[in-house]
């Protein structure tokens, strides 16, 4: 099951995949990056996407999962954008 929620603010949004679907999360991240590269805003100007991925441990609070994903997101942004990091 997929849950999409634009609750983080600014230009950020979250996708929550129920369960531990690491291959699916990586595949989805790669698809989003590929789609962003084909969007042309103006001549030679494209969209960049930075993605942070984290997986919930059994006893972990949801806000901690989001916090780790946010930290991974900023690693992706600070490392040149248009990539994803797994927390």
Protein backbone atom coordinates (compact mmCIF):
# COMPACT_ATOMS: atom_id res chain seq x y z
CA UNK A 1 0.00 0.00 0.00
CA UNK A 2 1.24 3.50 -0.84
CA UNK A 3 0.43 6.64 1.10
CA UNK A 4 1.31 10.07 -0.30
CA UNK A 5 1.08 13.11 1.94
CA UNK A 6 2.30 16.68 1.26
CA UNK A 7 2.67 17.47 4.96
CA UNK A 8 6.31 18.42 5.34
CA UNK A 9 6.04 21.94 3.99
CA UNK A 10 7.64 23.87 1.20
CA UNK A 11 8.33 21.68 -1.80
CA UNK A 12 8.64 18.50 0.24
CA UNK A 13 6.27 15.57 0.34
CA UNK A 14 6.35 12.10 1.81
CA UNK A 15 5.51 8.70 0.41
CA UNK A 16 4.95 5.96 2.94
CA UNK A 17 5.18 2.34 1.82
CA UNK A 18 3.68 -0.02 4.38
CA UNK A 19 6.08 -2.81 5.30
CA UNK A 20 9.78 -3.16 4.54
CA UNK A 21 9.88 -2.76 0.78
CA UNK A 22 13.48 -1.67 0.25
CA UNK A 23 13.64 -2.77 -3.42
CA UNK A 24 10.31 -1.08 -4.15
CA UNK A 25 11.42 2.14 -2.41
CA UNK A 26 14.68 2.21 -4.37
CA UNK A 27 12.87 1.49 -7.63
CA UNK A 28 10.30 4.22 -6.95
CA UNK A 29 13.07 6.70 -6.11
CA UNK A 30 14.88 5.91 -9.36
CA UNK A 31 11.64 6.29 -11.34
CA UNK A 32 10.95 9.69 -9.76
CA UNK A 33 14.49 10.84 -10.57
CA UNK A 34 14.11 9.69 -14.18
CA UNK A 35 10.75 11.42 -14.57
CA UNK A 36 12.11 14.66 -13.15
CA UNK A 37 14.93 14.69 -15.71
CA UNK A 38 12.51 14.77 -18.65
CA UNK A 39 10.58 17.81 -17.34
CA UNK A 40 11.94 20.92 -19.01
CA UNK A 41 10.95 24.20 -17.38
CA UNK A 42 12.75 26.41 -19.88
CA UNK A 43 15.56 26.01 -22.38
CA UNK A 44 18.20 23.81 -20.74
CA UNK A 45 16.52 24.09 -17.34
CA UNK A 46 15.15 20.91 -15.75
CA UNK A 47 13.67 19.85 -12.43
CA UNK A 48 15.92 18.39 -9.76
CA UNK A 49 14.68 15.93 -7.17
CA UNK A 50 16.38 14.94 -3.95
CA UNK A 51 14.99 11.98 -2.04
CA UNK A 52 15.54 10.69 1.48
CA UNK A 53 14.51 7.12 2.24
CA UNK A 54 14.17 5.48 5.64
CA UNK A 55 12.59 2.30 6.92
CA UNK A 56 10.70 1.91 10.19
CA UNK A 57 12.21 -0.37 12.80
CA UNK A 58 9.67 -2.46 14.72
CA UNK A 59 9.55 -0.30 17.87
CA UNK A 60 10.44 3.03 16.26
CA UNK A 61 8.08 6.01 16.44
CA UNK A 62 6.82 7.34 13.11
CA UNK A 63 8.29 10.81 13.75
CA UNK A 64 11.75 9.23 14.09
CA UNK A 65 11.36 7.54 10.71
CA UNK A 66 10.41 10.89 9.15
CA UNK A 67 13.35 12.59 10.90
CA UNK A 68 15.82 10.07 9.47
CA UNK A 69 14.29 10.40 5.99
CA UNK A 70 14.60 14.18 6.26
CA UNK A 71 18.28 13.85 7.22
CA UNK A 72 18.85 11.58 4.20
CA UNK A 73 17.02 14.11 2.01
CA UNK A 74 19.42 16.86 3.05
CA UNK A 75 22.40 14.57 2.35
CA UNK A 76 21.04 14.14 -1.18
CA UNK A 77 20.53 17.91 -1.57
CA UNK A 78 23.97 18.75 -0.22
CA UNK A 79 25.64 16.14 -2.42
CA UNK A 80 24.51 17.68 -5.69
CA UNK A 81 20.77 16.91 -5.85
CA UNK A 82 19.01 14.57 -8.31
CA UNK A 83 19.78 11.51 -6.19
CA UNK A 84 18.44 9.57 -3.25
CA UNK A 85 19.97 8.53 0.04
CA UNK A 86 18.87 5.75 2.35
CA UNK A 87 18.96 6.51 6.07
